[in-house]
N, C-alpha and C. Protein backbone atom coordinates (compact mmCIF):
# COMPACT_ATOMS: atom_id res chain seq x y z
N MET A 1 -41.62 172.81 50.68
CA MET A 1 -40.77 172.15 51.72
C MET A 1 -40.66 173.63 52.34
N SER A 2 -39.84 173.47 53.64
CA SER A 2 -39.54 174.93 54.06
C SER A 2 -38.05 174.99 53.72
N ARG A 3 -37.46 176.11 53.95
CA ARG A 3 -36.28 176.62 53.87
C ARG A 3 -35.46 175.84 54.87
N ASN A 4 -35.48 176.20 56.02
CA ASN A 4 -34.89 175.31 56.74
C ASN A 4 -34.45 173.74 56.63
N PHE A 5 -35.45 173.20 55.96
CA PHE A 5 -35.45 171.59 55.56
C PHE A 5 -34.38 171.70 54.34
N MET A 6 -34.78 172.28 53.45
CA MET A 6 -33.59 172.45 52.37
C MET A 6 -32.39 172.75 52.43
N ARG A 7 -32.12 173.86 53.74
CA ARG A 7 -30.67 174.21 54.30
C ARG A 7 -30.30 172.95 54.97
N GLY A 8 -30.83 172.39 55.65
CA GLY A 8 -30.64 170.86 56.22
C GLY A 8 -30.04 169.81 55.53
N ILE A 9 -30.85 169.83 53.90
CA ILE A 9 -30.35 168.84 52.96
C ILE A 9 -29.22 169.30 52.45
N GLY A 10 -28.99 170.56 52.11
CA GLY A 10 -27.61 171.17 51.73
C GLY A 10 -26.50 170.94 52.44
N GLU A 11 -26.63 171.31 54.06
CA GLU A 11 -25.74 171.19 54.80
C GLU A 11 -25.50 169.59 54.99
N PHE A 12 -26.20 168.72 54.72
CA PHE A 12 -25.82 167.21 54.73
C PHE A 12 -25.06 166.65 53.44
N PHE A 13 -25.31 167.30 52.47
CA PHE A 13 -24.71 166.92 51.22
C PHE A 13 -23.51 167.44 51.42
N GLY A 14 -23.04 168.97 51.81
CA GLY A 14 -21.81 169.33 52.13
C GLY A 14 -20.91 168.38 53.06
N THR A 15 -21.65 168.06 53.82
CA THR A 15 -20.69 167.33 55.16
C THR A 15 -20.11 165.82 54.38
N ILE A 16 -20.88 165.55 53.52
CA ILE A 16 -20.76 164.26 52.79
C ILE A 16 -19.80 164.44 51.61
N GLU A 17 -19.70 165.55 51.07
CA GLU A 17 -18.56 166.29 50.15
C GLU A 17 -17.28 166.46 50.60
N SER A 18 -17.48 167.04 51.94
CA SER A 18 -16.05 167.12 52.79
C SER A 18 -15.66 165.99 53.23
N ALA A 19 -16.11 165.02 53.69
CA ALA A 19 -16.15 163.55 54.16
C ALA A 19 -15.17 163.25 52.89
N MET A 20 -16.00 163.10 51.66
CA MET A 20 -15.21 162.39 50.63
C MET A 20 -13.63 162.88 50.17
N ALA A 21 -13.92 164.34 50.19
CA ALA A 21 -12.74 164.92 49.75
C ALA A 21 -11.54 164.78 50.78
N VAL A 22 -11.66 164.56 52.41
CA VAL A 22 -10.87 164.40 53.30
C VAL A 22 -10.29 163.06 53.18
N SER A 23 -11.24 162.24 52.83
CA SER A 23 -10.95 160.76 52.57
C SER A 23 -9.89 160.82 51.15
N ALA A 24 -10.33 161.23 50.31
CA ALA A 24 -9.90 160.92 49.03
C ALA A 24 -8.16 161.68 49.45
N ALA A 25 -8.04 163.02 49.69
CA ALA A 25 -6.72 163.40 49.97
C ALA A 25 -5.88 162.35 50.96
N VAL A 26 -6.61 162.09 51.75
CA VAL A 26 -5.50 160.96 52.48
C VAL A 26 -5.28 159.85 51.65
N ARG A 27 -6.15 159.34 51.22
CA ARG A 27 -5.81 158.04 50.28
C ARG A 27 -4.74 158.52 49.29
N ASP A 28 -4.64 159.37 48.56
CA ASP A 28 -3.86 160.05 47.75
C ASP A 28 -2.43 160.61 48.28
N ARG A 29 -2.57 160.77 49.62
CA ARG A 29 -1.21 161.21 50.27
C ARG A 29 -1.08 162.64 50.02
N ARG A 30 -2.10 163.28 50.06
CA ARG A 30 -2.26 164.85 49.89
C ARG A 30 -2.74 166.01 51.13
N ARG A 31 -2.60 166.78 51.05
CA ARG A 31 -2.85 167.59 51.92
C ARG A 31 -4.48 167.98 51.59
N ALA A 32 -5.22 167.77 53.01
CA ALA A 32 -6.71 167.99 52.84
C ALA A 32 -6.95 169.52 52.93
N LYS A 33 -8.11 170.19 52.51
CA LYS A 33 -8.37 171.54 52.67
C LYS A 33 -8.95 171.73 54.04
N ALA A 34 -8.38 173.04 54.49
CA ALA A 34 -8.44 173.36 56.08
C ALA A 34 -10.51 173.51 55.93
N ALA A 35 -10.86 174.06 55.14
CA ALA A 35 -12.51 174.41 54.91
C ALA A 35 -13.09 172.93 55.15
N ASP A 36 -12.66 171.93 54.52
CA ASP A 36 -13.20 170.52 54.69
C ASP A 36 -13.09 170.02 55.78
N LEU A 37 -11.97 170.16 56.58
CA LEU A 37 -11.78 169.39 57.78
C LEU A 37 -12.54 170.47 58.96
N LYS A 38 -12.62 171.64 58.53
CA LYS A 38 -13.30 172.34 59.97
C LYS A 38 -14.59 172.22 59.55
N ARG A 39 -15.61 171.76 58.32
CA ARG A 39 -16.77 171.55 58.20
C ARG A 39 -17.17 170.12 59.03
N LEU A 40 -16.13 169.18 59.00
CA LEU A 40 -16.44 167.81 60.20
C LEU A 40 -16.07 168.33 61.07
N GLY A 41 -15.46 169.28 61.82
CA GLY A 41 -14.94 169.39 62.97
C GLY A 41 -13.70 168.85 63.28
N ILE A 42 -12.78 169.27 62.44
CA ILE A 42 -11.79 168.51 62.95
C ILE A 42 -10.62 169.74 62.78
N ASP A 43 -9.84 170.14 63.84
CA ASP A 43 -8.97 170.91 63.84
C ASP A 43 -7.57 170.94 62.99
N PRO A 44 -7.55 171.74 61.79
CA PRO A 44 -6.72 171.59 60.65
C PRO A 44 -5.20 171.50 61.11
N GLU A 45 -5.08 172.45 62.00
CA GLU A 45 -3.57 172.32 62.53
C GLU A 45 -3.49 170.85 63.45
N GLN A 46 -4.02 170.42 64.14
CA GLN A 46 -3.85 169.28 64.65
C GLN A 46 -3.68 167.89 63.46
N PHE A 47 -4.93 168.04 62.44
CA PHE A 47 -4.66 166.79 61.58
C PHE A 47 -3.59 167.01 60.52
N TYR A 48 -2.95 168.16 60.42
CA TYR A 48 -1.63 168.17 59.41
C TYR A 48 -0.57 167.84 60.19
N ALA A 49 -0.61 168.19 61.72
CA ALA A 49 0.50 167.59 62.65
C ALA A 49 0.72 166.20 62.77
N SER A 50 -0.55 165.45 62.66
CA SER A 50 -0.34 164.03 62.78
C SER A 50 -0.09 163.02 61.38
N GLN A 51 -0.23 163.94 60.31
CA GLN A 51 0.17 163.48 58.78
C GLN A 51 1.57 163.57 58.48
N ARG A 52 1.78 162.11 57.71
CA ARG A 52 3.31 162.22 57.25
C ARG A 52 2.82 162.20 55.48
N TYR A 53 3.55 163.03 55.01
CA TYR A 53 3.40 163.20 53.49
C TYR A 53 4.63 162.75 52.98
């Protein structure tokens, strides 16, 4: 398998991991990590401004 393919698989699972982490943070009413939000293409400042903790 090529490196690009393996990198793509790793990025895919990283995105899924970030989505699950953000989802769990919202469910548990805690602040999601900025790195997870950025990986999902979400601006952390906008996200934090829209949440009520």
